[in-house]
Amino acid sequence: MPWSPERRTVRGWRRDLDALSARIAPRFSRSDLGRRVNTYLEGLLGAARRKNSWQLAEDVGDESP
């Protein structure tokens, strides 16, 4: 049987990702770049089988990486 994390564990990951996003947001001069980085990080943690820039961009609906 494949491993499946508990909901409380996944919620903890979400909180950690939100905290990381808030921590690195000031490093970007434009807010849209910070959002794009956050989306990229979410994609890396997502369910996409292949995780290169093109597949991640497609997964979130962007036209290019």
N, C-alpha and C. Protein backbone atom coordinates (compact mmCIF):
# COMPACT_ATOMS: atom_id res chain seq x y z
N MET A 1 0.85 -1.18 0.00
CA MET A 1 0.00 0.00 0.00
C MET A 1 0.90 1.25 0.00
N PRO A 2 0.64 2.20 -0.92
CA PRO A 2 1.47 3.40 -0.99
C PRO A 2 1.27 4.28 0.25
N TRP A 3 2.32 5.00 0.57
CA TRP A 3 2.27 5.92 1.71
C TRP A 3 1.40 7.12 1.37
N SER A 4 0.59 7.51 2.31
CA SER A 4 -0.28 8.68 2.14
C SER A 4 -0.19 9.53 3.40
N PRO A 5 0.23 10.79 3.25
CA PRO A 5 0.37 11.64 4.44
C PRO A 5 -0.99 11.98 5.05
N GLU A 6 -0.98 12.23 6.33
CA GLU A 6 -2.20 12.66 7.01
C GLU A 6 -2.51 14.11 6.64
N ARG A 7 -3.76 14.48 6.73
CA ARG A 7 -4.16 15.85 6.40
C ARG A 7 -3.43 16.88 7.25
N ARG A 8 -3.25 16.57 8.50
CA ARG A 8 -2.59 17.53 9.39
C ARG A 8 -1.15 17.75 8.94
N THR A 9 -0.50 16.71 8.41
CA THR A 9 0.86 16.84 7.89
C THR A 9 0.88 17.74 6.67
N VAL A 10 -0.06 17.53 5.77
CA VAL A 10 -0.13 18.33 4.55
C VAL A 10 -0.43 19.79 4.90
N ARG A 11 -1.31 20.03 5.85
CA ARG A 11 -1.59 21.42 6.27
C ARG A 11 -0.32 22.06 6.82
N GLY A 12 0.49 21.30 7.52
CA GLY A 12 1.77 21.81 8.02
C GLY A 12 2.69 22.20 6.89
N TRP A 13 2.69 21.41 5.81
CA TRP A 13 3.51 21.76 4.64
C TRP A 13 3.03 23.07 4.05
N ARG A 14 1.73 23.24 4.00
CA ARG A 14 1.16 24.47 3.43
C ARG A 14 1.59 25.68 4.26
N ARG A 15 1.52 25.55 5.59
CA ARG A 15 1.96 26.64 6.47
C ARG A 15 3.44 26.93 6.27
N ASP A 16 4.23 25.88 6.15
CA ASP A 16 5.67 26.06 5.94
C ASP A 16 5.96 26.76 4.61
N LEU A 17 5.23 26.38 3.56
CA LEU A 17 5.42 27.01 2.26
C LEU A 17 4.99 28.48 2.32
N ASP A 18 3.90 28.76 2.99
CA ASP A 18 3.46 30.15 3.15
C ASP A 18 4.50 30.97 3.92
N ALA A 19 5.08 30.37 4.95
CA ALA A 19 6.11 31.06 5.74
C ALA A 19 7.34 31.32 4.89
N LEU A 20 7.74 30.34 4.09
CA LEU A 20 8.89 30.53 3.20
C LEU A 20 8.62 31.63 2.19
N SER A 21 7.43 31.63 1.62
CA SER A 21 7.06 32.66 0.65
C SER A 21 7.12 34.05 1.27
N ALA A 22 6.60 34.18 2.47
CA ALA A 22 6.63 35.48 3.16
C ALA A 22 8.07 35.90 3.46
N ARG A 23 8.90 34.92 3.76
CA ARG A 23 10.30 35.22 4.09
C ARG A 23 11.10 35.69 2.88
N ILE A 24 10.85 35.11 1.70
CA ILE A 24 11.63 35.49 0.52
C ILE A 24 10.99 36.61 -0.30
N ALA A 25 9.74 36.94 -0.05
CA ALA A 25 9.04 37.96 -0.84
C ALA A 25 9.79 39.29 -0.89
N PRO A 26 10.38 39.78 0.21
CA PRO A 26 11.08 41.06 0.14
C PRO A 26 12.31 41.06 -0.77
N ARG A 27 12.77 39.89 -1.18
CA ARG A 27 13.95 39.79 -2.05
C ARG A 27 13.64 40.18 -3.49
N PHE A 28 12.36 40.28 -3.83
CA PHE A 28 11.97 40.58 -5.20
C PHE A 28 11.47 42.02 -5.30
N SER A 29 11.95 42.71 -6.33
CA SER A 29 11.58 44.12 -6.48
C SER A 29 10.14 44.29 -6.95
N ARG A 30 9.59 43.27 -7.58
CA ARG A 30 8.20 43.35 -8.06
C ARG A 30 7.39 42.22 -7.45
N SER A 31 6.17 42.53 -7.07
CA SER A 31 5.33 41.52 -6.41
C SER A 31 4.97 40.37 -7.34
N ASP A 32 4.84 40.64 -8.65
CA ASP A 32 4.49 39.57 -9.57
C ASP A 32 5.60 38.52 -9.66
N LEU A 33 6.84 38.93 -9.49
CA LEU A 33 7.94 37.97 -9.49
C LEU A 33 7.88 37.08 -8.25
N GLY A 34 7.56 37.68 -7.11
CA GLY A 34 7.42 36.90 -5.89
C GLY A 34 6.31 35.88 -6.01
N ARG A 35 5.19 36.27 -6.62
CA ARG A 35 4.07 35.34 -6.83
C ARG A 35 4.48 34.20 -7.76
N ARG A 36 5.25 34.55 -8.78
CA ARG A 36 5.69 33.53 -9.73
C ARG A 36 6.61 32.51 -9.05
N VAL A 37 7.51 32.99 -8.22
CA VAL A 37 8.39 32.08 -7.48
C VAL A 37 7.56 31.19 -6.56
N ASN A 38 6.58 31.76 -5.90
CA ASN A 38 5.71 30.97 -5.02
C ASN A 38 4.99 29.88 -5.81
N THR A 39 4.49 30.23 -6.98
CA THR A 39 3.80 29.26 -7.82
C THR A 39 4.76 28.15 -8.25
N TYR A 40 6.00 28.52 -8.56
CA TYR A 40 7.01 27.54 -8.94
C TYR A 40 7.29 26.57 -7.79
N LEU A 41 7.43 27.11 -6.59
CA LEU A 41 7.66 26.25 -5.43
C LEU A 41 6.48 25.31 -5.20
N GLU A 42 5.27 25.81 -5.36
CA GLU A 42 4.09 24.96 -5.22
C GLU A 42 4.11 23.85 -6.26
N GLY A 43 4.53 24.20 -7.47
CA GLY A 43 4.62 23.20 -8.53
C GLY A 43 5.62 22.12 -8.22
N LEU A 44 6.74 22.49 -7.63
CA LEU A 44 7.74 21.49 -7.26
C LEU A 44 7.20 20.51 -6.24
N LEU A 45 6.30 20.98 -5.40
CA LEU A 45 5.70 20.11 -4.39
C LEU A 45 4.44 19.42 -4.88
N GLY A 46 4.00 19.76 -6.09
CA GLY A 46 2.75 19.23 -6.62
C GLY A 46 2.86 17.83 -7.19
N ALA A 47 1.81 17.42 -7.85
CA ALA A 47 1.69 16.05 -8.33
C ALA A 47 2.15 15.85 -9.76
N ALA A 48 2.64 16.87 -10.42
CA ALA A 48 3.09 16.71 -11.81
C ALA A 48 4.18 15.64 -11.88
N ARG A 49 4.06 14.77 -12.88
CA ARG A 49 5.03 13.68 -13.00
C ARG A 49 6.41 14.21 -13.34
N ARG A 50 6.48 15.09 -14.30
CA ARG A 50 7.77 15.66 -14.69
C ARG A 50 7.82 17.07 -14.15
N LYS A 51 8.94 17.43 -13.61
CA LYS A 51 9.02 18.74 -12.96
C LYS A 51 10.15 19.57 -13.56
N ASN A 52 10.00 19.86 -14.85
CA ASN A 52 10.90 20.84 -15.42
C ASN A 52 10.11 22.13 -15.62
N SER A 53 10.76 23.17 -16.02
CA SER A 53 10.10 24.48 -16.05
C SER A 53 8.90 24.51 -16.99
N TRP A 54 8.97 23.81 -18.13
CA TRP A 54 7.85 23.83 -19.05
C TRP A 54 6.63 23.12 -18.47
N GLN A 55 6.83 21.95 -17.90
CA GLN A 55 5.69 21.21 -17.33
C GLN A 55 5.08 21.97 -16.15
N LEU A 56 5.92 22.57 -15.33
CA LEU A 56 5.40 23.34 -14.20
C LEU A 56 4.60 24.55 -14.69
N ALA A 57 5.11 25.23 -15.71
CA ALA A 57 4.38 26.38 -16.27
C ALA A 57 3.03 25.94 -16.84
N GLU A 58 3.04 24.85 -17.58
CA GLU A 58 1.79 24.34 -18.13
C GLU A 58 0.80 23.99 -17.03
N ASP A 59 1.29 23.37 -15.99
CA ASP A 59 0.44 22.93 -14.89
C ASP A 59 -0.29 24.09 -14.23
N VAL A 60 0.33 25.26 -14.17
CA VAL A 60 -0.32 26.42 -13.54
C VAL A 60 -0.96 27.36 -14.56
N GLY A 61 -0.88 27.00 -15.86
CA GLY A 61 -1.56 27.78 -16.87
C GLY A 61 -0.75 28.91 -17.48
N ASP A 62 0.55 28.94 -17.25
CA ASP A 62 1.40 29.96 -17.87
C ASP A 62 1.74 29.54 -19.29
N GLU A 63 2.01 30.54 -20.13
CA GLU A 63 2.35 30.24 -21.53
C GLU A 63 3.79 29.79 -21.69
N SER A 64 4.65 30.21 -20.79
CA SER A 64 6.07 29.84 -20.87
C SER A 64 6.65 29.79 -19.46
N PRO A 65 7.79 29.14 -19.34
CA PRO A 65 8.39 29.03 -17.99
C PRO A 65 8.91 30.34 -17.44
